[in-house]
Amino acid sequence: QVQLVESGGGLVQAGGSLRLSCAASGRIFSINGMGWYRQAPGKQRELVATMSNGGITNYADSVKGRFTISRGTAKNTVYLQMNSLKPEDTAVYYCNGETTWGNYWGQGTQVTVSS
């Protein structure tokens, strides 16, 4: 089992910045990669950014150039630096841990961007 806990969400004006953090505990040795997904009201959950243990990153086109994903040195933490935020970035952001046995999810943190 892997447990994931997010922090750092909140309310920000358009053009502002937020930094999300996620810490994993439990069987962290089984984690192959970590990332962030988001779900807006009435929409499906979508990928925001992922990073493998080897440092390979993948970003949604909608956030390229504005968001940056990074991992801690211990590899059990993942961060999402979000700059130039837009109202359409408003969503619940979920931390994801990809392991040998499947995917694990955090409880989610709300990000609201006002216009």
PDB file of N, CA and C in Angstrom:
ATOM      1  N   GLN A   1       0.822  -1.198   0.000  1.00  0.00           N
ATOM      2  CA  GLN A   1       0.000   0.000   0.000  1.00  0.00           C
ATOM      3  C   GLN A   1       0.860   1.253   0.000  1.00  0.00           C
ATOM      4  N   VAL A   2       0.371   2.258  -0.696  1.00  0.00           N
ATOM      5  CA  VAL A   2       1.025   3.566  -0.736  1.00  0.00           C
ATOM      6  C   VAL A   2      -0.013   4.612  -0.356  1.00  0.00           C
ATOM      7  N   GLN A   3       0.364   5.487   0.551  1.00  0.00           N
ATOM      8  CA  GLN A   3      -0.513   6.586   0.932  1.00  0.00           C
ATOM      9  C   GLN A   3       0.071   7.894   0.393  1.00  0.00           C
ATOM     10  N   LEU A   4      -0.810   8.741  -0.130  1.00  0.00           N
ATOM     11  CA  LEU A   4      -0.394  10.007  -0.724  1.00  0.00           C
ATOM     12  C   LEU A   4      -1.177  11.138  -0.073  1.00  0.00           C
ATOM     13  N   VAL A   5      -0.477  12.193   0.324  1.00  0.00           N
ATOM     14  CA  VAL A   5      -1.116  13.336   0.956  1.00  0.00           C
ATOM     15  C   VAL A   5      -0.683  14.612   0.245  1.00  0.00           C
ATOM     16  N   GLU A   6      -1.671  15.330  -0.295  1.00  0.00           N
ATOM     17  CA  GLU A   6      -1.394  16.577  -1.009  1.00  0.00           C
ATOM     18  C   GLU A   6      -1.555  17.776  -0.090  1.00  0.00           C
ATOM     19  N   SER A   7      -0.911  18.867  -0.465  1.00  0.00           N
ATOM     20  CA  SER A   7      -1.102  20.144   0.208  1.00  0.00           C
ATOM     21  C   SER A   7      -0.770  21.254  -0.764  1.00  0.00           C
ATOM     22  N   GLY A   8      -1.220  22.468  -0.440  1.00  0.00           N
ATOM     23  CA  GLY A   8      -0.827  23.620  -1.229  1.00  0.00           C
ATOM     24  C   GLY A   8      -1.892  24.231  -2.105  1.00  0.00           C
ATOM     25  N   GLY A   9      -3.073  23.649  -2.148  1.00  0.00           N
ATOM     26  CA  GLY A   9      -4.122  24.250  -2.964  1.00  0.00           C
ATOM     27  C   GLY A   9      -4.644  25.526  -2.338  1.00  0.00           C
ATOM     28  N   GLY A  10      -5.540  26.189  -3.058  1.00  0.00           N
ATOM     29  CA  GLY A  10      -6.123  27.405  -2.526  1.00  0.00           C
ATOM     30  C   GLY A  10      -6.746  28.248  -3.604  1.00  0.00           C
ATOM     31  N   LEU A  11      -7.025  29.498  -3.228  1.00  0.00           N
ATOM     32  CA  LEU A  11      -7.647  30.464  -4.133  1.00  0.00           C
ATOM     33  C   LEU A  11      -6.600  31.471  -4.576  1.00  0.00           C
ATOM     34  N   VAL A  12      -6.551  31.716  -5.880  1.00  0.00           N
ATOM     35  CA  VAL A  12      -5.571  32.660  -6.419  1.00  0.00           C
ATOM     36  C   VAL A  12      -6.199  33.408  -7.591  1.00  0.00           C
ATOM     37  N   GLN A  13      -5.741  34.611  -7.823  1.00  0.00           N
ATOM     38  CA  GLN A  13      -6.232  35.374  -8.962  1.00  0.00           C
ATOM     39  C   GLN A  13      -5.546  34.917 -10.245  1.00  0.00           C
ATOM     40  N   ALA A  14      -6.212  35.124 -11.344  1.00  0.00           N
ATOM     41  CA  ALA A  14      -5.628  34.787 -12.642  1.00  0.00           C
ATOM     42  C   ALA A  14      -4.278  35.487 -12.789  1.00  0.00           C
ATOM     43  N   GLY A  15      -3.312  34.734 -13.311  1.00  0.00           N
ATOM     44  CA  GLY A  15      -1.958  35.246 -13.445  1.00  0.00           C
ATOM     45  C   GLY A  15      -1.066  34.933 -12.262  1.00  0.00           C
ATOM     46  N   GLY A  16      -1.657  34.449 -11.193  1.00  0.00           N
ATOM     47  CA  GLY A  16      -0.902  34.129  -9.995  1.00  0.00           C
ATOM     48  C   GLY A  16      -0.265  32.758 -10.038  1.00  0.00           C
ATOM     49  N   SER A  17       0.339  32.383  -8.911  1.00  0.00           N
ATOM     50  CA  SER A  17       1.074  31.123  -8.816  1.00  0.00           C
ATOM     51  C   SER A  17       0.669  30.352  -7.564  1.00  0.00           C
ATOM     52  N   LEU A  18       0.780  29.044  -7.666  1.00  0.00           N
ATOM     53  CA  LEU A  18       0.611  28.150  -6.531  1.00  0.00           C
ATOM     54  C   LEU A  18       1.596  27.005  -6.666  1.00  0.00           C
ATOM     55  N   ARG A  19       1.946  26.422  -5.532  1.00  0.00           N
ATOM     56  CA  ARG A  19       2.833  25.250  -5.529  1.00  0.00           C
ATOM     57  C   ARG A  19       2.151  24.148  -4.746  1.00  0.00           C
ATOM     58  N   LEU A  20       1.935  23.021  -5.423  1.00  0.00           N
ATOM     59  CA  LEU A  20       1.344  21.855  -4.788  1.00  0.00           C
ATOM     60  C   LEU A  20       2.447  20.891  -4.365  1.00  0.00           C
ATOM     61  N   SER A  21       2.216  20.241  -3.236  1.00  0.00           N
ATOM     62  CA  SER A  21       3.160  19.243  -2.742  1.00  0.00           C
ATOM     63  C   SER A  21       2.414  17.947  -2.467  1.00  0.00           C
ATOM     64  N   CYS A  22       3.122  16.853  -2.589  1.00  0.00           N
ATOM     65  CA  CYS A  22       2.544  15.543  -2.298  1.00  0.00           C
ATOM     66  C   CYS A  22       3.628  14.664  -1.693  1.00  0.00           C
ATOM     67  N   ALA A  23       3.308  14.040  -0.577  1.00  0.00           N
ATOM     68  CA  ALA A  23       4.247  13.148   0.087  1.00  0.00           C
ATOM     69  C   ALA A  23       3.675  11.740   0.116  1.00  0.00           C
ATOM     70  N   ALA A  24       4.498  10.793  -0.254  1.00  0.00           N
ATOM     71  CA  ALA A  24       4.100   9.388  -0.250  1.00  0.00           C
ATOM     72  C   ALA A  24       4.680   8.681   0.957  1.00  0.00           C
ATOM     73  N   SER A  25       3.928   7.728   1.474  1.00  0.00           N
ATOM     74  CA  SER A  25       4.406   6.883   2.562  1.00  0.00           C
ATOM     75  C   SER A  25       3.934   5.463   2.310  1.00  0.00           C
ATOM     76  N   GLY A  26       4.462   4.535   3.092  1.00  0.00           N
ATOM     77  CA  GLY A  26       4.131   3.131   2.880  1.00  0.00           C
ATOM     78  C   GLY A  26       5.189   2.472   2.016  1.00  0.00           C
ATOM     79  N   ARG A  27       4.755   1.711   1.047  1.00  0.00           N
ATOM     80  CA  ARG A  27       5.672   0.966   0.178  1.00  0.00           C
ATOM     81  C   ARG A  27       6.233   1.857  -0.928  1.00  0.00           C
ATOM     82  N   ILE A  28       6.969   2.867  -0.532  1.00  0.00           N
ATOM     83  CA  ILE A  28       7.463   3.839  -1.507  1.00  0.00           C
ATOM     84  C   ILE A  28       8.491   3.237  -2.452  1.00  0.00           C
ATOM     85  N   PHE A  29       9.096   2.124  -2.060  1.00  0.00           N
ATOM     86  CA  PHE A  29      10.073   1.478  -2.933  1.00  0.00           C
ATOM     87  C   PHE A  29       9.409   0.943  -4.199  1.00  0.00           C
ATOM     88  N   SER A  30       8.081   0.794  -4.154  1.00  0.00           N
ATOM     89  CA  SER A  30       7.353   0.249  -5.301  1.00  0.00           C
ATOM     90  C   SER A  30       6.938   1.319  -6.310  1.00  0.00           C
ATOM     91  N   ILE A  31       7.213   2.583  -5.978  1.00  0.00           N
ATOM     92  CA  ILE A  31       6.792   3.674  -6.863  1.00  0.00           C
ATOM     93  C   ILE A  31       7.721   3.769  -8.065  1.00  0.00           C
ATOM     94  N   ASN A  32       7.140   3.749  -9.257  1.00  0.00           N
ATOM     95  CA  ASN A  32       7.895   3.895 -10.505  1.00  0.00           C
ATOM     96  C   ASN A  32       7.839   5.327 -11.030  1.00  0.00           C
ATOM     97  N   GLY A  33       6.806   6.045 -10.645  1.00  0.00           N
ATOM     98  CA  GLY A  33       6.642   7.424 -11.091  1.00  0.00           C
ATOM     99  C   GLY A  33       5.546   8.090 -10.283  1.00  0.00           C
ATOM    100  N   MET A  34       5.551   9.413 -10.295  1.00  0.00           N
ATOM    101  CA  MET A  34       4.522  10.181  -9.599  1.00  0.00           C
ATOM    102  C   MET A  34       4.043  11.296 -10.506  1.00  0.00           C
ATOM    103  N   GLY A  35       2.846  11.780 -10.225  1.00  0.00           N
ATOM    104  CA  GLY A  35       2.332  12.836 -11.082  1.00  0.00           C
ATOM    105  C   GLY A  35       1.119  13.513 -10.507  1.00  0.00           C
ATOM    106  N   TRP A  36       0.567  14.390 -11.322  1.00  0.00           N
ATOM    107  CA  TRP A  36      -0.604  15.166 -10.932  1.00  0.00           C
ATOM    108  C   TRP A  36      -1.683  15.042 -12.011  1.00  0.00           C
ATOM    109  N   TYR A  37      -2.894  14.883 -11.551  1.00  0.00           N
ATOM    110  CA  TYR A  37      -4.068  14.882 -12.407  1.00  0.00           C
ATOM    111  C   TYR A  37      -5.058  15.896 -11.820  1.00  0.00           C
ATOM    112  N   ARG A  38      -6.030  16.289 -12.621  1.00  0.00           N
ATOM    113  CA  ARG A  38      -7.033  17.219 -12.123  1.00  0.00           C
ATOM    114  C   ARG A  38      -8.409  16.874 -12.674  1.00  0.00           C
ATOM    115  N   GLN A  39      -9.419  17.287 -11.922  1.00  0.00           N
ATOM    116  CA  GLN A  39     -10.792  17.052 -12.344  1.00  0.00           C
ATOM    117  C   GLN A  39     -11.614  18.295 -12.028  1.00  0.00           C
ATOM    118  N   ALA A  40     -12.134  18.888 -13.078  1.00  0.00           N
ATOM    119  CA  ALA A  40     -13.013  20.050 -12.950  1.00  0.00           C
ATOM    120  C   ALA A  40     -14.456  19.566 -12.861  1.00  0.00           C
ATOM    121  N   PRO A  41     -15.346  20.377 -12.305  1.00  0.00           N
ATOM    122  CA  PRO A  41     -16.750  19.962 -12.181  1.00  0.00           C
ATOM    123  C   PRO A  41     -17.348  19.565 -13.526  1.00  0.00           C
ATOM    124  N   GLY A  42     -17.969  18.395 -13.567  1.00  0.00           N
ATOM    125  CA  GLY A  42     -18.620  17.937 -14.784  1.00  0.00           C
ATOM    126  C   GLY A  42     -17.692  17.389 -15.838  1.00  0.00           C
ATOM    127  N   LYS A  43     -16.405  17.289 -15.523  1.00  0.00           N
ATOM    128  CA  LYS A  43     -15.429  16.798 -16.500  1.00  0.00           C
ATOM    129  C   LYS A  43     -14.715  15.566 -15.968  1.00  0.00           C
ATOM    130  N   GLN A  44     -14.087  14.843 -16.883  1.00  0.00           N
ATOM    131  CA  GLN A  44     -13.315  13.671 -16.493  1.00  0.00           C
ATOM    132  C   GLN A  44     -11.962  14.088 -15.917  1.00  0.00           C
ATOM    133  N   ARG A  45     -11.422  13.215 -15.101  1.00  0.00           N
ATOM    134  CA  ARG A  45     -10.082  13.462 -14.575  1.00  0.00           C
ATOM    135  C   ARG A  45      -9.080  13.419 -15.730  1.00  0.00           C
ATOM    136  N   GLU A  46      -8.142  14.371 -15.736  1.00  0.00           N
ATOM    137  CA  GLU A  46      -7.171  14.449 -16.823  1.00  0.00           C
ATOM    138  C   GLU A  46      -5.754  14.590 -16.284  1.00  0.00           C
ATOM    139  N   LEU A  47      -4.824  14.139 -17.094  1.00  0.00           N
ATOM    140  CA  LEU A  47      -3.413  14.244 -16.737  1.00  0.00           C
ATOM    141  C   LEU A  47      -2.975  15.701 -16.774  1.00  0.00           C
ATOM    142  N   VAL A  48      -2.177  16.088 -15.784  1.00  0.00           N
ATOM    143  CA  VAL A  48      -1.552  17.412 -15.784  1.00  0.00           C
ATOM    144  C   VAL A  48      -0.065  17.257 -16.083  1.00  0.00           C
ATOM    145  N   ALA A  49       0.621  16.458 -15.268  1.00  0.00           N
ATOM    146  CA  ALA A  49       2.051  16.240 -15.459  1.00  0.00           C
ATOM    147  C   ALA A  49       2.473  14.995 -14.696  1.00  0.00           C
ATOM    148  N   THR A  50       3.455  14.297 -15.245  1.00  0.00           N
ATOM    149  CA  THR A  50       4.017  13.133 -14.573  1.00  0.00           C
ATOM    150  C   THR A  50       5.529  13.163 -14.684  1.00  0.00           C
ATOM    151  N   MET A  51       6.164  12.484 -13.738  1.00  0.00           N
ATOM    152  CA  MET A  51       7.620  12.356 -13.784  1.00  0.00           C
ATOM    153  C   MET A  51       7.997  10.964 -13.313  1.00  0.00           C
ATOM    154  N   SER A  52       8.794  10.269 -14.113  1.00  0.00           N
ATOM    155  CA  SER A  52       9.250   8.938 -13.739  1.00  0.00           C
ATOM    156  C   SER A  52      10.402   9.038 -12.750  1.00  0.00           C
ATOM    157  N   ASN A  53      10.767   7.904 -12.163  1.00  0.00           N
ATOM    158  CA  ASN A  53      11.919   7.889 -11.258  1.00  0.00           C
ATOM    159  C   ASN A  53      13.194   8.302 -11.990  1.00  0.00           C
ATOM    160  N   GLY A  54      13.212   8.085 -13.281  1.00  0.00           N
ATOM    161  CA  GLY A  54      14.384   8.458 -14.079  1.00  0.00           C
ATOM    162  C   GLY A  54      14.379   9.907 -14.530  1.00  0.00           C
ATOM    163  N   GLY A  55      13.321  10.640 -14.149  1.00  0.00           N
ATOM    164  CA  GLY A  55      13.283  12.059 -14.478  1.00  0.00           C
ATOM    165  C   GLY A  55      12.581  12.413 -15.776  1.00  0.00           C
ATOM    166  N   ILE A  56      11.990  11.430 -16.420  1.00  0.00           N
ATOM    167  CA  ILE A  56      11.270  11.707 -17.668  1.00  0.00           C
ATOM    168  C   ILE A  56       9.932  12.354 -17.319  1.00  0.00           C
ATOM    169  N   THR A  57       9.643  13.481 -17.955  1.00  0.00           N
ATOM    170  CA  THR A  57       8.427  14.227 -17.665  1.00  0.00           C
ATOM    171  C   THR A  57       7.456  14.188 -18.836  1.00  0.00           C
ATOM    172  N   ASN A  58       6.192  14.368 -18.504  1.00  0.00           N
ATOM    173  CA  ASN A  58       5.134  14.430 -19.499  1.00  0.00           C
ATOM    174  C   ASN A  58       4.136  15.473 -19.014  1.00  0.00           C
ATOM    175  N   TYR A  59       3.782  16.409 -19.905  1.00  0.00           N
ATOM    176  CA  TYR A  59       2.872  17.485 -19.546  1.00  0.00           C
ATOM    177  C   TYR A  59       1.674  17.507 -20.485  1.00  0.00           C
ATOM    178  N   ALA A  60       0.535  17.895 -19.956  1.00  0.00           N
ATOM    179  CA  ALA A  60      -0.599  18.190 -20.816  1.00  0.00           C
ATOM    180  C   ALA A  60      -0.274  19.439 -21.628  1.00  0.00           C
ATOM    181  N   ASP A  61      -0.735  19.482 -22.863  1.00  0.00           N
ATOM    182  CA  ASP A  61      -0.456  20.633 -23.720  1.00  0.00           C
ATOM    183  C   ASP A  61      -0.946  21.926 -23.084  1.00  0.00           C
ATOM    184  N   SER A  62      -2.042  21.850 -22.355  1.00  0.00           N
ATOM    185  CA  SER A  62      -2.653  23.054 -21.790  1.00  0.00           C
ATOM    186  C   SER A  62      -1.815  23.697 -20.685  1.00  0.00           C
ATOM    187  N   VAL A  63      -0.848  22.969 -20.145  1.00  0.00           N
ATOM    188  CA  VAL A  63      -0.053  23.523 -19.042  1.00  0.00           C
ATOM    189  C   VAL A  63       1.423  23.684 -19.398  1.00  0.00           C
ATOM    190  N   LYS A  64       1.815  23.244 -20.569  1.00  0.00           N
ATOM    191  CA  LYS A  64       3.221  23.355 -20.966  1.00  0.00           C
ATOM    192  C   LYS A  64       3.663  24.817 -20.944  1.00  0.00           C
ATOM    193  N   GLY A  65       4.842  25.041 -20.355  1.00  0.00           N
ATOM    194  CA  GLY A  65       5.369  26.394 -20.263  1.00  0.00           C
ATOM    195  C   GLY A  65       4.877  27.164 -19.068  1.00  0.00           C
ATOM    196  N   ARG A  66       3.870  26.644 -18.366  1.00  0.00           N
ATOM    197  CA  ARG A  66       3.333  27.338 -17.178  1.00  0.00           C
ATOM    198  C   ARG A  66       3.533  26.520 -15.906  1.00  0.00           C
ATOM    199  N   PHE A  67       3.426  25.202 -16.021  1.00  0.00           N
ATOM    200  CA  PHE A  67       3.554  24.318 -14.865  1.00  0.00           C
ATOM    201  C   PHE A  67       4.868  23.555 -14.941  1.00  0.00           C
ATOM    202  N   THR A  68       5.452  23.278 -13.767  1.00  0.00           N
ATOM    203  CA  THR A  68       6.683  22.500 -13.694  1.00  0.00           C
ATOM    204  C   THR A  68       6.544  21.443 -12.610  1.00  0.00           C
ATOM    205  N   ILE A  69       6.782  20.197 -12.986  1.00  0.00           N
ATOM    206  CA  ILE A  69       6.745  19.106 -12.020  1.00  0.00           C
ATOM    207  C   ILE A  69       8.162  18.795 -11.576  1.00  0.00           C
ATOM    208  N   SER A  70       8.315  18.427 -10.310  1.00  0.00           N
ATOM    209  CA  SER A  70       9.628  18.042  -9.802  1.00  0.00           C
ATOM    210  C   SER A  70       9.452  16.994  -8.706  1.00  0.00           C
ATOM    211  N   ARG A  71      10.512  16.279  -8.451  1.00  0.00           N
ATOM    212  CA  ARG A  71      10.498  15.245  -7.413  1.00  0.00           C
ATOM    213  C   ARG A  71      11.548  15.586  -6.359  1.00  0.00           C
ATOM    214  N   GLY A  72      11.295  15.191  -5.129  1.00  0.00           N
ATOM    215  CA  GLY A  72      12.276  15.374  -4.095  1.00  0.00           C
ATOM    216  C   GLY A  72      13.418  14.384  -4.232  1.00  0.00           C
ATOM    217  N   THR A  73      14.519  14.635  -3.555  1.00  0.00           N
ATOM    218  CA  THR A  73      15.690  13.766  -3.659  1.00  0.00           C
ATOM    219  C   THR A  73      15.403  12.372  -3.147  1.00  0.00           C
ATOM    220  N   ALA A  74      14.514  12.251  -2.226  1.00  0.00           N
ATOM    221  CA  ALA A  74      14.154  10.943  -1.691  1.00  0.00           C
ATOM    222  C   ALA A  74      13.151  10.219  -2.568  1.00  0.00           C
ATOM    223  N   LYS A  75      12.696  10.872  -3.617  1.00  0.00           N
ATOM    224  CA  LYS A  75      11.794  10.277  -4.616  1.00  0.00           C
ATOM    225  C   LYS A  75      10.412   9.939  -4.069  1.00  0.00           C
ATOM    226  N   ASN A  76      10.131  10.279  -2.819  1.00  0.00           N
ATOM    227  CA  ASN A  76       8.797  10.005  -2.312  1.00  0.00           C
ATOM    228  C   ASN A  76       7.951  11.263  -2.217  1.00  0.00           C
ATOM    229  N   THR A  77       8.435  12.337  -2.815  1.00  0.00           N
ATOM    230  CA  THR A  77       7.660  13.568  -2.862  1.00  0.00           C
ATOM    231  C   THR A  77       7.606  14.066  -4.305  1.00  0.00           C
ATOM    232  N   VAL A  78       6.524  14.751  -4.608  1.00  0.00           N
ATOM    233  CA  VAL A  78       6.372  15.348  -5.926  1.00  0.00           C
ATOM    234  C   VAL A  78       5.743  16.721  -5.741  1.00  0.00           C
ATOM    235  N   TYR A  79       6.191  17.647  -6.577  1.00  0.00           N
ATOM    236  CA  TYR A  79       5.729  19.018  -6.494  1.00  0.00           C
ATOM    237  C   TYR A  79       5.197  19.463  -7.852  1.00  0.00           C
ATOM    238  N   LEU A  80       4.306  20.435  -7.805  1.00  0.00           N
ATOM    239  CA  LEU A  80       3.808  21.035  -9.039  1.00  0.00           C
ATOM    240  C   LEU A  80       3.815  22.546  -8.849  1.00  0.00           C
ATOM    241  N   GLN A  81       4.729  23.210  -9.527  1.00  0.00           N
ATOM    242  CA  GLN A  81       4.778  24.659  -9.523  1.00  0.00           C
ATOM    243  C   GLN A  81       3.884  25.157 -10.655  1.00  0.00           C
ATOM    244  N   MET A  82       2.876  25.923 -10.292  1.00  0.00           N
ATOM    245  CA  MET A  82       1.911  26.402 -11.273  1.00  0.00           C
ATOM    246  C   MET A  82       2.004  27.916 -11.366  1.00  0.00           C
ATOM    247  N   ASN A  83       2.401  28.400 -12.531  1.00  0.00           N
ATOM    248  CA  ASN A  83       2.527  29.835 -12.779  1.00  0.00           C
ATOM    249  C   ASN A  83       1.517  30.261 -13.841  1.00  0.00           C
ATOM    250  N   SER A  84       1.294  31.553 -13.924  1.00  0.00           N
ATOM    251  CA  SER A  84       0.380  32.115 -14.930  1.00  0.00           C
ATOM    252  C   SER A  84      -0.953  31.370 -14.931  1.00  0.00           C
ATOM    253  N   LEU A  85      -1.504  31.188 -13.767  1.00  0.00           N
ATOM    254  CA  LEU A  85      -2.732  30.412 -13.639  1.00  0.00           C
ATOM    255  C   LEU A  85      -3.901  31.095 -14.333  1.00  0.00           C
ATOM    256  N   LYS A  86      -4.771  30.270 -14.891  1.00  0.00           N
ATOM    257  CA  LYS A  86      -5.946  30.732 -15.617  1.00  0.00           C
ATOM    258  C   LYS A  86      -7.203  30.184 -14.932  1.00  0.00           C
ATOM    259  N   PRO A  87      -8.339  30.848 -15.117  1.00  0.00           N
ATOM    260  CA  PRO A  87      -9.581  30.323 -14.535  1.00  0.00           C
ATOM    261  C   PRO A  87      -9.863  28.888 -14.949  1.00  0.00           C
ATOM    262  N   GLU A  88      -9.472  28.502 -16.151  1.00  0.00           N
ATOM    263  CA  GLU A  88      -9.715  27.135 -16.606  1.00  0.00           C
ATOM    264  C   GLU A  88      -8.824  26.107 -15.919  1.00  0.00           C
ATOM    265  N   ASP A  89      -7.887  26.548 -15.112  1.00  0.00           N
ATOM    266  CA  ASP A  89      -7.083  25.626 -14.302  1.00  0.00           C
ATOM    267  C   ASP A  89      -7.807  25.233 -13.014  1.00  0.00           C
ATOM    268  N   THR A  90      -8.943  25.858 -12.755  1.00  0.00           N
ATOM    269  CA  THR A  90      -9.714  25.535 -11.557  1.00  0.00           C
ATOM    270  C   THR A  90     -10.158  24.075 -11.578  1.00  0.00           C
ATOM    271  N   ALA A  91      -9.820  23.347 -10.527  1.00  0.00           N
ATOM    272  CA  ALA A  91     -10.130  21.920 -10.453  1.00  0.00           C
ATOM    273  C   ALA A  91      -9.656  21.375  -9.107  1.00  0.00           C
ATOM    274  N   VAL A  92     -10.021  20.148  -8.853  1.00  0.00           N
ATOM    275  CA  VAL A  92      -9.406  19.400  -7.758  1.00  0.00           C
ATOM    276  C   VAL A  92      -8.186  18.690  -8.334  1.00  0.00           C
ATOM    277  N   TYR A  93      -7.065  18.899  -7.716  1.00  0.00           N
ATOM    278  CA  TYR A  93      -5.812  18.314  -8.193  1.00  0.00           C
ATOM    279  C   TYR A  93      -5.466  17.102  -7.330  1.00  0.00           C
ATOM    280  N   TYR A  94      -5.183  15.991  -8.015  1.00  0.00           N
ATOM    281  CA  TYR A  94      -4.902  14.732  -7.345  1.00  0.00           C
ATOM    282  C   TYR A  94      -3.458  14.298  -7.599  1.00  0.00           C
ATOM    283  N   CYS A  95      -2.802  13.890  -6.545  1.00  0.00           N
ATOM    284  CA  CYS A  95      -1.474  13.297  -6.660  1.00  0.00           C
ATOM    285  C   CYS A  95      -1.637  11.818  -7.014  1.00  0.00           C
ATOM    286  N   ASN A  96      -0.765  11.348  -7.873  1.00  0.00           N
ATOM    287  CA  ASN A  96      -0.815   9.947  -8.309  1.00  0.00           C
ATOM    288  C   ASN A  96       0.536   9.286  -8.117  1.00  0.00           C
ATOM    289  N   GLY A  97       0.501   8.062  -7.639  1.00  0.00           N
ATOM    290  CA  GLY A  97       1.710   7.261  -7.540  1.00  0.00           C
ATOM    291  C   GLY A  97       1.522   5.987  -8.345  1.00  0.00           C
ATOM    292  N   GLU A  98       2.384   5.799  -9.324  1.00  0.00           N
ATOM    293  CA  GLU A  98       2.306   4.608 -10.173  1.00  0.00           C
ATOM    294  C   GLU A  98       3.267   3.567  -9.622  1.00  0.00           C
ATOM    295  N   THR A  99       2.726   2.395  -9.277  1.00  0.00           N
ATOM    296  CA  THR A  99       3.544   1.339  -8.698  1.00  0.00           C
ATOM    297  C   THR A  99       3.435   0.063  -9.518  1.00  0.00           C
ATOM    298  N   THR A 100       4.217  -0.888  -9.133  1.00  0.00           N
ATOM    299  CA  THR A 100       4.204  -2.199  -9.794  1.00  0.00           C
ATOM    300  C   THR A 100       2.814  -2.830  -9.723  1.00  0.00           C
ATOM    301  N   TRP A 101       2.088  -2.526  -8.645  1.00  0.00           N
ATOM    302  CA  TRP A 101       0.799  -3.178  -8.429  1.00  0.00           C
ATOM    303  C   TRP A 101      -0.398  -2.330  -8.822  1.00  0.00           C
ATOM    304  N   GLY A 102      -0.147  -1.137  -9.306  1.00  0.00           N
ATOM    305  CA  GLY A 102      -1.257  -0.290  -9.707  1.00  0.00           C
ATOM    306  C   GLY A 102      -1.055   1.154  -9.304  1.00  0.00           C
ATOM    307  N   ASN A 103      -2.097   1.949  -9.516  1.00  0.00           N
ATOM    308  CA  ASN A 103      -2.035   3.371  -9.227  1.00  0.00           C
ATOM    309  C   ASN A 103      -2.665   3.691  -7.883  1.00  0.00           C
ATOM    310  N   TYR A 104      -2.066   4.617  -7.177  1.00  0.00           N
ATOM    311  CA  TYR A 104      -2.608   5.108  -5.916  1.00  0.00           C
ATOM    312  C   TYR A 104      -2.877   6.604  -6.051  1.00  0.00           C
ATOM    313  N   TRP A 105      -3.883   7.068  -5.293  1.00  0.00           N
ATOM    314  CA  TRP A 105      -4.321   8.457  -5.404  1.00  0.00           C
ATOM    315  C   TRP A 105      -4.388   9.120  -4.042  1.00  0.00           C
ATOM    316  N   GLY A 106      -4.091  10.416  -4.022  1.00  0.00           N
ATOM    317  CA  GLY A 106      -4.324  11.208  -2.842  1.00  0.00           C
ATOM    318  C   GLY A 106      -5.781  11.618  -2.760  1.00  0.00           C
ATOM    319  N   GLN A 107      -6.101  12.373  -1.714  1.00  0.00           N
ATOM    320  CA  GLN A 107      -7.493  12.761  -1.495  1.00  0.00           C
ATOM    321  C   GLN A 107      -7.894  13.965  -2.336  1.00  0.00           C
ATOM    322  N   GLY A 108      -6.927  14.648  -2.891  1.00  0.00           N
ATOM    323  CA  GLY A 108      -7.204  15.804  -3.739  1.00  0.00           C
ATOM    324  C   GLY A 108      -7.101  17.115  -2.986  1.00  0.00           C
ATOM    325  N   THR A 109      -6.716  18.156  -3.706  1.00  0.00           N
ATOM    326  CA  THR A 109      -6.647  19.499  -3.139  1.00  0.00           C
ATOM    327  C   THR A 109      -7.256  20.474  -4.141  1.00  0.00           C
ATOM    328  N   GLN A 110      -8.098  21.357  -3.651  1.00  0.00           N
ATOM    329  CA  GLN A 110      -8.817  22.273  -4.531  1.00  0.00           C
ATOM    330  C   GLN A 110      -7.939  23.448  -4.930  1.00  0.00           C
ATOM    331  N   VAL A 111      -7.940  23.729  -6.225  1.00  0.00           N
ATOM    332  CA  VAL A 111      -7.291  24.927  -6.758  1.00  0.00           C
ATOM    333  C   VAL A 111      -8.380  25.742  -7.457  1.00  0.00           C
ATOM    334  N   THR A 112      -8.542  26.971  -7.033  1.00  0.00           N
ATOM    335  CA  THR A 112      -9.538  27.862  -7.630  1.00  0.00           C
ATOM    336  C   THR A 112      -8.847  29.116  -8.117  1.00  0.00           C
ATOM    337  N   VAL A 113      -9.030  29.421  -9.397  1.00  0.00           N
ATOM    338  CA  VAL A 113      -8.425  30.602 -10.008  1.00  0.00           C
ATOM    339  C   VAL A 113      -9.543  31.562 -10.385  1.00  0.00           C
ATOM    340  N   SER A 114      -9.523  32.724  -9.779  1.00  0.00           N
ATOM    341  CA  SER A 114     -10.558  33.716 -10.061  1.00  0.00           C
ATOM    342  C   SER A 114     -10.118  34.644 -11.185  1.00  0.00           C
ATOM    343  N   SER A 115     -11.104  35.107 -11.949  1.00  0.00           N
ATOM    344  CA  SER A 115     -10.794  35.988 -13.089  1.00  0.00           C
ATOM    345  C   SER A 115     -10.798  37.452 -12.679  1.00  0.00           C
TER     346      SER A 115
END
